[in-house]
Amino acid sequence: MSDWSQAKAREVIERQITLNSISLAPDAERCEGMIQMAYALGLLTDQELQSLTDRLNDTVRARRKQLRNNQNAALLGLAVPHA
């Protein structure tokens, strides 16, 4: 595969990870599919597969925690930082 294809695959995946970090409904499923497809096409190495999957899962977990904390604070009448 070409360097351009590999770079473009990583760019699209990175963009999806970033979008999950600000989403009101973070979901790893679509991005996991992108990562798996890029790996199957030989655009990612084993190490990149693991690294991107870990980053995605950490991002989704952190964003869900942030949204949950904001919702709990709102229920308790506390000041909620902007999400």
Protein backbone atom coordinates (compact mmCIF):
# COMPACT_ATOMS: atom_id res chain seq x y z
CA MET A 1 0.00 0.00 0.00
CA SER A 2 1.09 3.54 -0.59
CA ASP A 3 2.29 5.94 2.04
CA TRP A 4 -0.62 8.20 1.08
CA SER A 5 -3.15 5.43 1.79
CA GLN A 6 -1.59 4.69 5.15
CA ALA A 7 -1.47 8.36 6.12
CA LYS A 8 -5.05 8.93 4.98
CA ALA A 9 -6.31 5.93 6.95
CA ARG A 10 -4.61 7.18 10.11
CA GLU A 11 -5.96 10.70 9.50
CA VAL A 12 -9.56 9.49 9.18
CA ILE A 13 -9.24 7.27 12.27
CA GLU A 14 -7.65 10.08 14.31
CA ARG A 15 -10.51 12.39 13.28
CA GLN A 16 -13.08 9.85 14.51
CA ILE A 17 -11.26 9.50 17.83
CA THR A 18 -11.27 13.29 18.20
CA LEU A 19 -14.98 13.46 17.38
CA ASN A 20 -15.69 10.88 20.08
CA SER A 21 -13.90 13.10 22.59
CA ILE A 22 -16.50 15.86 22.11
CA SER A 23 -19.58 13.84 21.18
CA LEU A 24 -22.77 13.91 23.22
CA ALA A 25 -23.14 10.21 22.41
CA PRO A 26 -19.61 8.75 22.21
CA ASP A 27 -19.52 5.34 20.55
CA ALA A 28 -16.46 3.32 19.61
CA GLU A 29 -18.21 0.94 17.20
CA ARG A 30 -17.84 2.92 13.96
CA CYS A 31 -14.24 3.83 14.61
CA GLU A 32 -13.40 0.26 15.64
CA GLY A 33 -14.69 -0.84 12.25
CA MET A 34 -12.48 1.72 10.53
CA ILE A 35 -9.46 0.54 12.49
CA GLN A 36 -10.16 -3.12 11.71
CA MET A 37 -10.70 -2.41 8.02
CA ALA A 38 -7.46 -0.41 7.76
CA TYR A 39 -5.61 -3.24 9.50
CA ALA A 40 -7.16 -5.88 7.21
CA LEU A 41 -6.07 -3.85 4.17
CA GLY A 42 -2.52 -3.66 5.48
CA LEU A 43 -2.67 0.07 6.17
CA LEU A 44 -1.87 -0.34 9.88
CA THR A 45 0.73 -2.38 11.70
CA ASP A 46 -0.06 -4.62 14.66
CA GLN A 47 1.32 -1.94 16.98
CA GLU A 48 -0.80 0.80 15.36
CA LEU A 49 -3.88 -1.43 15.61
CA GLN A 50 -3.36 -1.87 19.33
CA SER A 51 -2.42 1.75 19.96
CA LEU A 52 -5.38 3.23 18.07
CA THR A 53 -7.84 0.77 19.62
CA ASP A 54 -6.55 1.57 23.11
CA ARG A 55 -6.74 5.34 22.45
CA LEU A 56 -10.26 5.02 21.09
CA ASN A 57 -11.49 3.02 24.06
CA ASP A 58 -9.80 5.38 26.53
CA THR A 59 -11.33 8.38 24.75
CA VAL A 60 -14.85 6.95 24.75
CA ARG A 61 -14.55 5.88 28.39
CA ALA A 62 -13.29 9.33 29.46
CA ARG A 63 -15.98 11.17 27.51
CA ARG A 64 -18.76 9.00 28.93
CA LYS A 65 -17.42 9.61 32.43
CA GLN A 66 -17.33 13.35 31.79
CA LEU A 67 -20.92 13.36 30.52
CA ARG A 68 -22.07 11.21 33.46
CA ASN A 69 -20.36 13.54 35.94
CA ASN A 70 -21.97 16.57 34.29
CA GLN A 71 -25.38 14.93 34.43
CA ASN A 72 -24.94 13.99 38.09
CA ALA A 73 -23.80 17.52 38.95
CA ALA A 74 -26.82 18.96 37.15
CA LEU A 75 -29.15 16.63 39.07
CA LEU A 76 -27.58 17.77 42.32
CA GLY A 77 -27.86 21.42 41.31
CA LEU A 78 -24.11 21.95 41.18
CA ALA A 79 -22.38 24.14 38.65
CA VAL A 80 -21.61 22.10 35.54
CA PRO A 81 -18.49 22.88 33.51
CA HIS A 82 -19.11 23.04 29.78
CA ALA A 83 -18.72 19.63 28.17
